[in-house]
Amino acid sequence: MKEKETFYFVMKRIIDVTFSLMGLLITFPVIILFSILIKFETPGPVFFLQERVGLNGRYFRVIKLRSMGVDAEKNGAKWAERNDPRVTRVGAFIRKTRIDEIPQFINILVGDMSLVGPRPERPIFTAKFNGEIPGFIERLRVKPGLTGWAQVNGGYDITPEEKLKLDQYYISHQNYKLDFKIILMTIKICITGNGAR
């Protein structure tokens, strides 16, 4: 069983690197296009770097296309919600289609993330939810993902408790078949803009 698990994680890393390189090459024109649109709509940087908590509690900076105004957190960190007023018009589209997450292929290449896994949370929310929600720290047992079971079944506006239940399901059942299913569901959401509640 141990050898089977080791083989799974080795193959998962190979798949992560291969798909991330392909993803960056294929989506490069998309990144350029939306970088221009973001720059035209609001002042400030095109890319947004934010500290997140990864495998075993290690901190790293996640890379995203900016979907909010530059002063989105002038009053402090806030949990994302449906129809978030901080989101720009371009930002609303790239969040709905997950285009804002594309630059995280770089995070995958350097080993901070995987294609599939629980989404990495911010340190302030990790500490908060770990103190309030039993078992929340279990999410740090696996490498965080670009997409995950919670993302394709919940979306941006589910509660931390709901997200944890979905993440726990993935952690307990992760395998090639589930990973492939999540990737296919994510592609569908990116193409149609529908699928995640």
N, C-alpha and C. Protein backbone atom coordinates (compact mmCIF):
# COMPACT_ATOMS: atom_id res chain seq x y z
N MET A 1 0.84 -1.21 0.00
CA MET A 1 0.00 0.00 0.00
C MET A 1 0.86 1.26 0.00
N LYS A 2 1.96 1.21 0.78
CA LYS A 2 2.88 2.34 0.88
C LYS A 2 3.52 2.62 -0.47
N GLU A 3 3.95 1.55 -1.17
CA GLU A 3 4.58 1.70 -2.48
C GLU A 3 3.59 2.25 -3.50
N LYS A 4 2.34 1.82 -3.40
CA LYS A 4 1.29 2.31 -4.31
C LYS A 4 1.06 3.80 -4.11
N GLU A 5 1.04 4.26 -2.85
CA GLU A 5 0.85 5.67 -2.55
C GLU A 5 2.03 6.50 -3.05
N THR A 6 3.25 5.97 -2.84
CA THR A 6 4.46 6.68 -3.29
C THR A 6 4.44 6.84 -4.80
N PHE A 7 4.08 5.77 -5.51
CA PHE A 7 4.01 5.82 -6.97
C PHE A 7 2.98 6.84 -7.43
N TYR A 8 1.84 6.89 -6.73
CA TYR A 8 0.79 7.85 -7.07
C TYR A 8 1.30 9.28 -6.97
N PHE A 9 2.00 9.61 -5.88
CA PHE A 9 2.49 10.98 -5.69
C PHE A 9 3.63 11.33 -6.64
N VAL A 10 4.45 10.35 -6.99
CA VAL A 10 5.52 10.59 -7.98
C VAL A 10 4.89 10.88 -9.34
N MET A 11 3.93 10.06 -9.73
CA MET A 11 3.26 10.27 -11.01
C MET A 11 2.47 11.57 -11.02
N LYS A 12 1.89 11.91 -9.88
CA LYS A 12 1.13 13.16 -9.79
C LYS A 12 2.04 14.35 -10.03
N ARG A 13 3.27 14.28 -9.49
CA ARG A 13 4.23 15.38 -9.70
C ARG A 13 4.63 15.49 -11.17
N ILE A 14 4.84 14.35 -11.81
CA ILE A 14 5.19 14.35 -13.23
C ILE A 14 4.07 14.96 -14.06
N ILE A 15 2.84 14.57 -13.74
CA ILE A 15 1.66 15.11 -14.43
C ILE A 15 1.53 16.61 -14.17
N ASP A 16 1.78 17.04 -12.93
CA ASP A 16 1.72 18.46 -12.58
C ASP A 16 2.66 19.28 -13.46
N VAL A 17 3.91 18.84 -13.55
CA VAL A 17 4.92 19.58 -14.32
C VAL A 17 4.56 19.60 -15.81
N THR A 18 4.18 18.44 -16.34
CA THR A 18 3.85 18.33 -17.76
C THR A 18 2.65 19.22 -18.13
N PHE A 19 1.58 19.10 -17.37
CA PHE A 19 0.37 19.86 -17.67
C PHE A 19 0.56 21.36 -17.43
N SER A 20 1.39 21.72 -16.46
CA SER A 20 1.63 23.14 -16.18
C SER A 20 2.41 23.80 -17.31
N LEU A 21 3.41 23.11 -17.83
CA LEU A 21 4.17 23.64 -18.96
C LEU A 21 3.26 23.79 -20.18
N MET A 22 2.46 22.78 -20.46
CA MET A 22 1.50 22.84 -21.57
C MET A 22 0.49 23.95 -21.33
N GLY A 23 0.01 24.06 -20.09
CA GLY A 23 -0.99 25.07 -19.76
C GLY A 23 -0.48 26.48 -19.98
N LEU A 24 0.75 26.73 -19.57
CA LEU A 24 1.32 28.07 -19.74
C LEU A 24 1.50 28.41 -21.22
N LEU A 25 1.94 27.43 -22.00
CA LEU A 25 2.14 27.66 -23.43
C LEU A 25 0.81 27.93 -24.14
N ILE A 26 -0.19 27.14 -23.82
CA ILE A 26 -1.50 27.26 -24.48
C ILE A 26 -2.23 28.53 -24.07
N THR A 27 -2.12 28.90 -22.80
CA THR A 27 -2.90 30.03 -22.29
C THR A 27 -2.14 31.36 -22.32
N PHE A 28 -0.92 31.36 -22.81
CA PHE A 28 -0.14 32.60 -22.83
C PHE A 28 -0.88 33.75 -23.52
N PRO A 29 -1.51 33.53 -24.69
CA PRO A 29 -2.28 34.62 -25.33
C PRO A 29 -3.43 35.12 -24.45
N VAL A 30 -4.05 34.20 -23.70
CA VAL A 30 -5.16 34.57 -22.80
C VAL A 30 -4.64 35.47 -21.68
N ILE A 31 -3.49 35.11 -21.13
CA ILE A 31 -2.89 35.92 -20.07
C ILE A 31 -2.57 37.32 -20.57
N ILE A 32 -2.02 37.41 -21.77
CA ILE A 32 -1.68 38.72 -22.36
C ILE A 32 -2.94 39.55 -22.57
N LEU A 33 -3.98 38.93 -23.15
CA LEU A 33 -5.23 39.64 -23.42
C LEU A 33 -5.84 40.21 -22.15
N PHE A 34 -5.97 39.39 -21.13
CA PHE A 34 -6.62 39.86 -19.91
C PHE A 34 -5.72 40.76 -19.07
N SER A 35 -4.43 40.66 -19.27
CA SER A 35 -3.51 41.61 -18.63
C SER A 35 -3.77 43.01 -19.16
N ILE A 36 -3.99 43.10 -20.47
CA ILE A 36 -4.28 44.40 -21.11
C ILE A 36 -5.63 44.93 -20.62
N LEU A 37 -6.65 44.05 -20.57
CA LEU A 37 -7.97 44.48 -20.13
C LEU A 37 -7.96 44.95 -18.67
N ILE A 38 -7.23 44.24 -17.83
CA ILE A 38 -7.13 44.63 -16.42
C ILE A 38 -6.47 45.99 -16.30
N LYS A 39 -5.42 46.20 -17.08
CA LYS A 39 -4.68 47.45 -17.02
C LYS A 39 -5.54 48.62 -17.50
N PHE A 40 -6.38 48.37 -18.51
CA PHE A 40 -7.25 49.42 -19.03
C PHE A 40 -8.37 49.77 -18.05
N GLU A 41 -8.88 48.78 -17.34
CA GLU A 41 -10.02 49.03 -16.47
C GLU A 41 -9.65 49.75 -15.18
N THR A 42 -8.57 49.32 -14.54
CA THR A 42 -8.19 49.92 -13.25
C THR A 42 -6.68 50.12 -13.17
N PRO A 43 -6.24 51.10 -12.43
CA PRO A 43 -4.80 51.29 -12.24
C PRO A 43 -4.25 50.22 -11.32
N GLY A 44 -2.94 50.04 -11.36
CA GLY A 44 -2.32 49.06 -10.47
C GLY A 44 -1.72 47.89 -11.23
N PRO A 45 -1.11 46.96 -10.52
CA PRO A 45 -0.45 45.81 -11.15
C PRO A 45 -1.44 44.84 -11.78
N VAL A 46 -0.98 44.13 -12.79
CA VAL A 46 -1.80 43.12 -13.46
C VAL A 46 -1.87 41.85 -12.62
N PHE A 47 -0.73 41.48 -12.04
CA PHE A 47 -0.66 40.27 -11.25
C PHE A 47 -0.79 40.59 -9.76
N PHE A 48 -1.34 39.63 -9.05
CA PHE A 48 -1.59 39.80 -7.62
C PHE A 48 -0.91 38.67 -6.88
N LEU A 49 0.01 39.00 -5.99
CA LEU A 49 0.70 38.00 -5.19
C LEU A 49 0.18 38.05 -3.76
N GLN A 50 -0.13 36.88 -3.24
CA GLN A 50 -0.70 36.83 -1.89
C GLN A 50 -0.16 35.62 -1.14
N GLU A 51 0.19 35.83 0.12
CA GLU A 51 0.74 34.75 0.93
C GLU A 51 -0.33 33.71 1.25
N ARG A 52 0.02 32.45 1.07
CA ARG A 52 -0.89 31.35 1.37
C ARG A 52 -0.15 30.29 2.19
N VAL A 53 -0.93 29.36 2.75
CA VAL A 53 -0.36 28.28 3.54
C VAL A 53 -0.43 26.99 2.74
N GLY A 54 0.72 26.33 2.58
CA GLY A 54 0.78 25.13 1.78
C GLY A 54 0.98 23.87 2.59
N LEU A 55 1.58 22.87 1.95
CA LEU A 55 1.81 21.57 2.56
C LEU A 55 2.57 21.69 3.88
N ASN A 56 2.04 21.06 4.90
CA ASN A 56 2.66 21.05 6.24
C ASN A 56 2.83 22.45 6.84
N GLY A 57 1.98 23.39 6.42
CA GLY A 57 2.00 24.73 7.00
C GLY A 57 3.05 25.66 6.44
N ARG A 58 3.71 25.27 5.33
CA ARG A 58 4.73 26.14 4.74
C ARG A 58 4.10 27.28 3.97
N TYR A 59 4.61 28.50 4.17
CA TYR A 59 4.07 29.67 3.49
C TYR A 59 4.69 29.81 2.09
N PHE A 60 3.89 30.31 1.15
CA PHE A 60 4.37 30.65 -0.18
C PHE A 60 3.47 31.73 -0.76
N ARG A 61 3.89 32.34 -1.85
CA ARG A 61 3.09 33.39 -2.48
C ARG A 61 2.40 32.85 -3.73
N VAL A 62 1.08 32.91 -3.73
CA VAL A 62 0.29 32.46 -4.87
C VAL A 62 0.21 33.61 -5.88
N ILE A 63 0.19 33.25 -7.18
CA ILE A 63 0.16 34.24 -8.26
C ILE A 63 -1.20 34.20 -8.96
N LYS A 64 -1.84 35.36 -9.10
CA LYS A 64 -3.13 35.42 -9.76
C LYS A 64 -3.20 36.66 -10.65
N LEU A 65 -4.08 36.63 -11.65
CA LEU A 65 -4.42 37.86 -12.36
C LEU A 65 -5.34 38.65 -11.43
N ARG A 66 -5.09 39.94 -11.29
CA ARG A 66 -5.84 40.74 -10.32
C ARG A 66 -7.30 40.89 -10.75
N SER A 67 -8.23 40.52 -9.85
CA SER A 67 -9.65 40.59 -10.15
C SER A 67 -10.38 41.64 -9.31
N MET A 68 -9.66 42.29 -8.39
CA MET A 68 -10.25 43.32 -7.53
C MET A 68 -9.49 44.63 -7.69
N GLY A 69 -10.08 45.69 -7.17
CA GLY A 69 -9.40 46.98 -7.17
C GLY A 69 -8.17 46.92 -6.28
N VAL A 70 -7.24 47.83 -6.48
CA VAL A 70 -5.99 47.80 -5.73
C VAL A 70 -6.19 48.06 -4.24
N ASP A 71 -7.30 48.71 -3.88
CA ASP A 71 -7.57 49.02 -2.47
C ASP A 71 -8.61 48.06 -1.86
N ALA A 72 -8.70 46.86 -2.43
CA ALA A 72 -9.74 45.91 -2.01
C ALA A 72 -9.67 45.54 -0.53
N GLU A 73 -8.48 45.58 0.04
CA GLU A 73 -8.36 45.17 1.44
C GLU A 73 -7.84 46.30 2.32
N LYS A 74 -8.22 47.51 1.97
CA LYS A 74 -7.79 48.65 2.78
C LYS A 74 -8.36 48.58 4.20
N ASN A 75 -9.49 47.87 4.35
CA ASN A 75 -10.11 47.72 5.68
C ASN A 75 -9.82 46.36 6.30
N GLY A 76 -8.84 45.64 5.74
CA GLY A 76 -8.46 44.34 6.29
C GLY A 76 -8.92 43.19 5.42
N ALA A 77 -8.40 42.00 5.72
CA ALA A 77 -8.73 40.80 4.96
C ALA A 77 -10.20 40.44 5.13
N LYS A 78 -10.80 39.98 4.02
CA LYS A 78 -12.22 39.65 4.03
C LYS A 78 -12.45 38.40 3.22
N TRP A 79 -13.30 37.50 3.72
CA TRP A 79 -13.64 36.27 3.03
C TRP A 79 -14.43 36.60 1.77
N ALA A 80 -14.07 36.00 0.62
CA ALA A 80 -14.77 36.26 -0.64
C ALA A 80 -16.23 35.83 -0.54
N GLU A 81 -17.10 36.59 -1.21
CA GLU A 81 -18.53 36.29 -1.17
C GLU A 81 -19.16 36.49 -2.53
N ARG A 82 -20.40 35.98 -2.70
CA ARG A 82 -21.11 36.16 -3.96
C ARG A 82 -21.37 37.65 -4.21
N ASN A 83 -21.21 38.09 -5.47
CA ASN A 83 -21.41 39.49 -5.86
C ASN A 83 -20.55 40.43 -5.01
N ASP A 84 -19.32 40.05 -4.78
CA ASP A 84 -18.39 40.84 -3.98
C ASP A 84 -18.18 42.20 -4.64
N PRO A 85 -18.50 43.30 -3.96
CA PRO A 85 -18.38 44.63 -4.56
C PRO A 85 -16.94 45.05 -4.86
N ARG A 86 -15.98 44.35 -4.31
CA ARG A 86 -14.58 44.67 -4.56
C ARG A 86 -14.11 44.19 -5.93
N VAL A 87 -14.87 43.30 -6.54
CA VAL A 87 -14.48 42.69 -7.81
C VAL A 87 -14.78 43.64 -8.98
N THR A 88 -13.83 43.79 -9.88
CA THR A 88 -14.01 44.65 -11.06
C THR A 88 -14.85 43.93 -12.11
N ARG A 89 -15.22 44.63 -13.19
CA ARG A 89 -16.01 43.99 -14.24
C ARG A 89 -15.21 42.89 -14.93
N VAL A 90 -13.96 43.20 -15.29
CA VAL A 90 -13.09 42.18 -15.88
C VAL A 90 -12.85 41.07 -14.85
N GLY A 91 -12.68 41.48 -13.60
CA GLY A 91 -12.44 40.52 -12.54
C GLY A 91 -13.57 39.54 -12.36
N ALA A 92 -14.81 40.00 -12.50
CA ALA A 92 -15.97 39.12 -12.37
C ALA A 92 -15.93 38.02 -13.42
N PHE A 93 -15.54 38.38 -14.63
CA PHE A 93 -15.47 37.39 -15.72
C PHE A 93 -14.34 36.40 -15.50
N ILE A 94 -13.15 36.88 -15.16
CA ILE A 94 -12.03 35.96 -15.02
C ILE A 94 -12.16 35.08 -13.78
N ARG A 95 -12.91 35.54 -12.78
CA ARG A 95 -13.17 34.69 -11.62
C ARG A 95 -14.19 33.61 -11.97
N LYS A 96 -15.23 33.99 -12.73
CA LYS A 96 -16.26 33.04 -13.11
C LYS A 96 -15.70 31.92 -13.98
N THR A 97 -14.79 32.26 -14.86
CA THR A 97 -14.20 31.29 -15.78
C THR A 97 -12.87 30.72 -15.25
N ARG A 98 -12.44 31.18 -14.07
CA ARG A 98 -11.20 30.75 -13.41
C ARG A 98 -9.94 31.18 -14.16
N ILE A 99 -10.06 32.12 -15.08
CA ILE A 99 -8.90 32.61 -15.81
C ILE A 99 -7.90 33.28 -14.87
N ASP A 100 -8.41 33.88 -13.79
CA ASP A 100 -7.51 34.56 -12.84
C ASP A 100 -6.51 33.60 -12.19
N GLU A 101 -6.83 32.29 -12.22
CA GLU A 101 -5.97 31.30 -11.57
C GLU A 101 -4.85 30.78 -12.48
N ILE A 102 -4.90 31.08 -13.78
CA ILE A 102 -3.95 30.52 -14.73
C ILE A 102 -2.48 30.73 -14.33
N PRO A 103 -2.08 31.93 -13.86
CA PRO A 103 -0.67 32.11 -13.50
C PRO A 103 -0.16 31.15 -12.42
N GLN A 104 -1.07 30.46 -11.73
CA GLN A 104 -0.64 29.52 -10.70
C GLN A 104 0.00 28.26 -11.26
N PHE A 105 0.00 28.13 -12.59
CA PHE A 105 0.79 27.06 -13.20
C PHE A 105 2.26 27.24 -12.79
N ILE A 106 2.66 28.49 -12.58
CA ILE A 106 4.04 28.76 -12.12
C ILE A 106 4.24 28.21 -10.72
N ASN A 107 3.25 28.41 -9.84
CA ASN A 107 3.33 27.85 -8.49
C ASN A 107 3.44 26.32 -8.52
N ILE A 108 2.78 25.71 -9.49
CA ILE A 108 2.83 24.26 -9.62
C ILE A 108 4.21 23.83 -10.08
N LEU A 109 4.76 24.54 -11.05
CA LEU A 109 6.08 24.18 -11.58
C LEU A 109 7.17 24.23 -10.52
N VAL A 110 7.11 25.21 -9.63
CA VAL A 110 8.14 25.33 -8.59
C VAL A 110 7.88 24.42 -7.40
N GLY A 111 6.73 23.75 -7.40
CA GLY A 111 6.45 22.76 -6.37
C GLY A 111 5.62 23.23 -5.19
N ASP A 112 5.15 24.47 -5.22
CA ASP A 112 4.31 24.97 -4.12
C ASP A 112 2.91 24.36 -4.14
N MET A 113 2.45 24.02 -5.34
CA MET A 113 1.09 23.54 -5.51
C MET A 113 1.05 22.34 -6.44
N SER A 114 -0.14 21.74 -6.53
CA SER A 114 -0.40 20.64 -7.46
C SER A 114 -1.57 21.07 -8.35
N LEU A 115 -1.84 20.33 -9.40
CA LEU A 115 -3.01 20.64 -10.23
C LEU A 115 -4.28 20.47 -9.42
N VAL A 116 -4.34 19.40 -8.63
CA VAL A 116 -5.54 19.09 -7.86
C VAL A 116 -5.22 18.95 -6.38
N GLY A 117 -6.04 19.59 -5.56
CA GLY A 117 -5.88 19.53 -4.11
C GLY A 117 -6.72 20.62 -3.47
N PRO A 118 -6.77 20.69 -2.15
CA PRO A 118 -7.51 21.76 -1.49
C PRO A 118 -6.89 23.12 -1.86
N ARG A 119 -7.71 24.11 -2.09
CA ARG A 119 -7.18 25.44 -2.41
C ARG A 119 -6.39 25.98 -1.22
N PRO A 120 -5.22 26.59 -1.47
CA PRO A 120 -4.42 27.12 -0.37
C PRO A 120 -5.10 28.32 0.27
N GLU A 121 -5.14 28.36 1.58
CA GLU A 121 -5.81 29.44 2.30
C GLU A 121 -4.78 30.43 2.83
N ARG A 122 -5.23 31.62 3.13
CA ARG A 122 -4.37 32.66 3.67
C ARG A 122 -4.05 32.37 5.13
N PRO A 123 -2.87 32.78 5.61
CA PRO A 123 -2.48 32.51 7.00
C PRO A 123 -3.50 33.00 8.02
N ILE A 124 -4.05 34.19 7.81
CA ILE A 124 -5.00 34.76 8.78
C ILE A 124 -6.26 33.91 8.87
N PHE A 125 -6.73 33.39 7.73
CA PHE A 125 -7.93 32.56 7.74
C PHE A 125 -7.62 31.14 8.20
N THR A 126 -6.42 30.65 7.87
CA THR A 126 -6.02 29.32 8.34
C THR A 126 -6.01 29.29 9.86
N ALA A 127 -5.43 30.32 10.47
CA ALA A 127 -5.37 30.40 11.94
C ALA A 127 -6.76 30.53 12.53
N LYS A 128 -7.59 31.36 11.90
CA LYS A 128 -8.95 31.59 12.40
C LYS A 128 -9.79 30.31 12.34
N PHE A 129 -9.81 29.67 11.15
CA PHE A 129 -10.65 28.50 10.97
C PHE A 129 -10.12 27.29 11.73
N ASN A 130 -8.79 27.22 11.90
CA ASN A 130 -8.22 26.12 12.66
C ASN A 130 -8.65 26.19 14.12
N GLY A 131 -8.86 27.42 14.61
CA GLY A 131 -9.31 27.60 15.99
C GLY A 131 -10.80 27.41 16.16
N GLU A 132 -11.55 27.55 15.07
CA GLU A 132 -13.01 27.50 15.14
C GLU A 132 -13.62 26.20 14.61
N ILE A 133 -12.93 25.57 13.64
CA ILE A 133 -13.49 24.41 12.96
C ILE A 133 -12.62 23.18 13.20
N PRO A 134 -13.10 22.23 13.96
CA PRO A 134 -12.33 21.01 14.23
C PRO A 134 -11.94 20.30 12.92
N GLY A 135 -10.67 19.95 12.80
CA GLY A 135 -10.21 19.23 11.62
C GLY A 135 -9.76 20.09 10.47
N PHE A 136 -9.88 21.41 10.59
CA PHE A 136 -9.52 22.28 9.46
C PHE A 136 -8.05 22.12 9.07
N ILE A 137 -7.20 21.85 10.05
CA ILE A 137 -5.76 21.74 9.80
C ILE A 137 -5.43 20.53 8.93
N GLU A 138 -6.39 19.60 8.78
CA GLU A 138 -6.17 18.41 7.95
C GLU A 138 -5.90 18.78 6.49
N ARG A 139 -6.35 19.95 6.08
CA ARG A 139 -6.15 20.39 4.70
C ARG A 139 -4.67 20.53 4.36
N LEU A 140 -3.84 20.68 5.39
CA LEU A 140 -2.40 20.87 5.17
C LEU A 140 -1.65 19.55 5.04
N ARG A 141 -2.38 18.44 5.08
CA ARG A 141 -1.75 17.13 4.94
C ARG A 141 -1.34 16.84 3.50
N VAL A 142 -1.96 17.54 2.56
CA VAL A 142 -1.65 17.34 1.14
C VAL A 142 -1.28 18.67 0.50
N LYS A 143 -0.60 18.60 -0.63
CA LYS A 143 -0.20 19.82 -1.33
C LYS A 143 -1.46 20.53 -1.86
N PRO A 144 -1.54 21.86 -1.71
CA PRO A 144 -2.71 22.59 -2.21
C PRO A 144 -2.79 22.53 -3.73
N GLY A 145 -3.99 22.75 -4.27
CA GLY A 145 -4.18 22.59 -5.70
C GLY A 145 -4.67 23.83 -6.43
N LEU A 146 -4.45 23.82 -7.74
CA LEU A 146 -4.98 24.87 -8.61
C LEU A 146 -6.50 24.77 -8.64
N THR A 147 -6.99 23.54 -8.62
CA THR A 147 -8.42 23.29 -8.53
C THR A 147 -8.62 22.13 -7.55
N GLY A 148 -9.85 21.96 -7.12
CA GLY A 148 -10.10 20.91 -6.15
C GLY A 148 -11.56 20.51 -6.11
N TRP A 149 -11.85 19.49 -5.31
CA TRP A 149 -13.21 18.99 -5.18
C TRP A 149 -14.16 20.06 -4.65
N ALA A 150 -13.66 20.91 -3.75
CA ALA A 150 -14.49 21.99 -3.21
C ALA A 150 -14.79 23.04 -4.28
N GLN A 151 -13.82 23.30 -5.18
CA GLN A 151 -14.03 24.32 -6.20
C GLN A 151 -15.05 23.90 -7.25
N VAL A 152 -15.00 22.64 -7.66
CA VAL A 152 -15.94 22.21 -8.71
C VAL A 152 -17.32 21.88 -8.16
N ASN A 153 -17.42 21.77 -6.84
CA ASN A 153 -18.71 21.47 -6.23
C ASN A 153 -19.28 22.61 -5.40
N GLY A 154 -18.48 23.62 -5.15
CA GLY A 154 -18.95 24.70 -4.29
C GLY A 154 -18.80 26.09 -4.86
N GLY A 155 -17.61 26.44 -5.32
CA GLY A 155 -17.39 27.78 -5.83
C GLY A 155 -16.83 28.71 -4.78
N TYR A 156 -16.92 30.02 -5.04
CA TYR A 156 -16.31 31.03 -4.18
C TYR A 156 -17.07 31.30 -2.89
N ASP A 157 -18.37 31.06 -2.88
CA ASP A 157 -19.17 31.57 -1.77
C ASP A 157 -19.65 30.51 -0.78
N ILE A 158 -19.05 29.31 -0.78
CA ILE A 158 -19.45 28.33 0.22
C ILE A 158 -18.79 28.66 1.56
N THR A 159 -19.35 28.15 2.63
CA THR A 159 -18.81 28.43 3.96
C THR A 159 -17.54 27.62 4.19
N PRO A 160 -16.70 28.05 5.12
CA PRO A 160 -15.48 27.28 5.45
C PRO A 160 -15.80 25.85 5.86
N GLU A 161 -16.91 25.66 6.59
CA GLU A 161 -17.30 24.32 7.02
C GLU A 161 -17.64 23.43 5.83
N GLU A 162 -18.37 24.00 4.86
CA GLU A 162 -18.72 23.24 3.66
C GLU A 162 -17.48 22.91 2.85
N LYS A 163 -16.58 23.87 2.75
CA LYS A 163 -15.35 23.66 2.01
C LYS A 163 -14.52 22.56 2.66
N LEU A 164 -14.45 22.56 3.99
CA LEU A 164 -13.67 21.55 4.70
C LEU A 164 -14.20 20.15 4.43
N LYS A 165 -15.52 19.98 4.44
CA LYS A 165 -16.11 18.67 4.20
C LYS A 165 -15.74 18.14 2.81
N LEU A 166 -15.78 19.03 1.82
CA LEU A 166 -15.42 18.64 0.47
C LEU A 166 -13.92 18.33 0.36
N ASP A 167 -13.10 19.14 1.03
CA ASP A 167 -11.65 18.90 1.02
C ASP A 167 -11.31 17.59 1.72
N GLN A 168 -12.00 17.30 2.83
CA GLN A 168 -11.76 16.06 3.56
C GLN A 168 -12.12 14.85 2.70
N TYR A 169 -13.18 14.99 1.91
CA TYR A 169 -13.54 13.90 1.01
C TYR A 169 -12.41 13.64 0.03
N TYR A 170 -11.85 14.72 -0.54
CA TYR A 170 -10.75 14.55 -1.51
C TYR A 170 -9.53 13.91 -0.85
N ILE A 171 -9.15 14.41 0.33
CA ILE A 171 -7.97 13.91 1.02
C ILE A 171 -8.10 12.41 1.31
N SER A 172 -9.30 11.97 1.66
CA SER A 172 -9.53 10.57 2.00
C SER A 172 -9.66 9.66 0.77
N HIS A 173 -10.03 10.24 -0.37
CA HIS A 173 -10.31 9.42 -1.56
C HIS A 173 -9.41 9.73 -2.76
N GLN A 174 -8.39 10.55 -2.59
CA GLN A 174 -7.60 10.97 -3.75
C GLN A 174 -6.99 9.79 -4.49
N ASN A 175 -7.15 9.83 -5.80
CA ASN A 175 -6.61 8.81 -6.70
C ASN A 175 -6.65 9.38 -8.12
N TYR A 176 -6.10 8.63 -9.08
CA TYR A 176 -6.04 9.11 -10.46
C TYR A 176 -7.43 9.43 -11.02
N LYS A 177 -8.38 8.55 -10.74
CA LYS A 177 -9.73 8.71 -11.29
C LYS A 177 -10.38 9.99 -10.78
N LEU A 178 -10.26 10.25 -9.48
CA LEU A 178 -10.86 11.45 -8.90
C LEU A 178 -10.15 12.70 -9.41
N ASP A 179 -8.83 12.66 -9.49
CA ASP A 179 -8.08 13.80 -10.01
C ASP A 179 -8.51 14.14 -11.43
N PHE A 180 -8.64 13.10 -12.26
CA PHE A 180 -9.03 13.30 -13.66
C PHE A 180 -10.44 13.87 -13.75
N LYS A 181 -11.33 13.38 -12.89
CA LYS A 181 -12.70 13.88 -12.87
C LYS A 181 -12.73 15.36 -12.51
N ILE A 182 -11.96 15.75 -11.52
CA ILE A 182 -11.91 17.16 -11.09
C ILE A 182 -11.36 18.04 -12.20
N ILE A 183 -10.33 17.55 -12.89
CA ILE A 183 -9.74 18.32 -14.00
C ILE A 183 -10.76 18.52 -15.11
N LEU A 184 -11.49 17.48 -15.46
CA LEU A 184 -12.51 17.58 -16.51
C LEU A 184 -13.63 18.55 -16.11
N MET A 185 -14.06 18.47 -14.85
CA MET A 185 -15.10 19.37 -14.35
C MET A 185 -14.61 20.82 -14.36
N THR A 186 -13.34 21.01 -14.05
CA THR A 186 -12.76 22.36 -14.05
C THR A 186 -12.72 22.93 -15.46
N ILE A 187 -12.32 22.10 -16.43
CA ILE A 187 -12.28 22.54 -17.82
C ILE A 187 -13.68 22.95 -18.29
N LYS A 188 -14.68 22.18 -17.89
CA LYS A 188 -16.07 22.51 -18.26
C LYS A 188 -16.47 23.87 -17.68
N ILE A 189 -16.10 24.11 -16.43
CA ILE A 189 -16.43 25.40 -15.79
C ILE A 189 -15.73 26.56 -16.50
N CYS A 190 -14.45 26.33 -16.87
CA CYS A 190 -13.69 27.39 -17.56
C CYS A 190 -14.31 27.73 -18.91
N ILE A 191 -14.79 26.72 -19.61
CA ILE A 191 -15.36 26.92 -20.95
C ILE A 191 -16.76 27.54 -20.89
N THR A 192 -17.59 27.04 -19.98
CA THR A 192 -18.98 27.47 -19.93
C THR A 192 -19.27 28.59 -18.92
N GLY A 193 -18.39 28.69 -17.92
CA GLY A 193 -18.65 29.67 -16.85
C GLY A 193 -19.69 29.17 -15.88
N ASN A 194 -20.13 27.91 -16.07
CA ASN A 194 -21.14 27.30 -15.21
C ASN A 194 -20.60 26.02 -14.60
N GLY A 195 -21.28 25.54 -13.59
CA GLY A 195 -20.90 24.26 -13.02
C GLY A 195 -20.59 24.33 -11.56
N ALA A 196 -19.98 25.44 -11.10
CA ALA A 196 -19.70 25.60 -9.67
C ALA A 196 -20.77 26.52 -9.10
N ARG A 197 -21.38 26.09 -8.02
CA ARG A 197 -22.44 26.91 -7.43
C ARG A 197 -21.83 28.06 -6.66
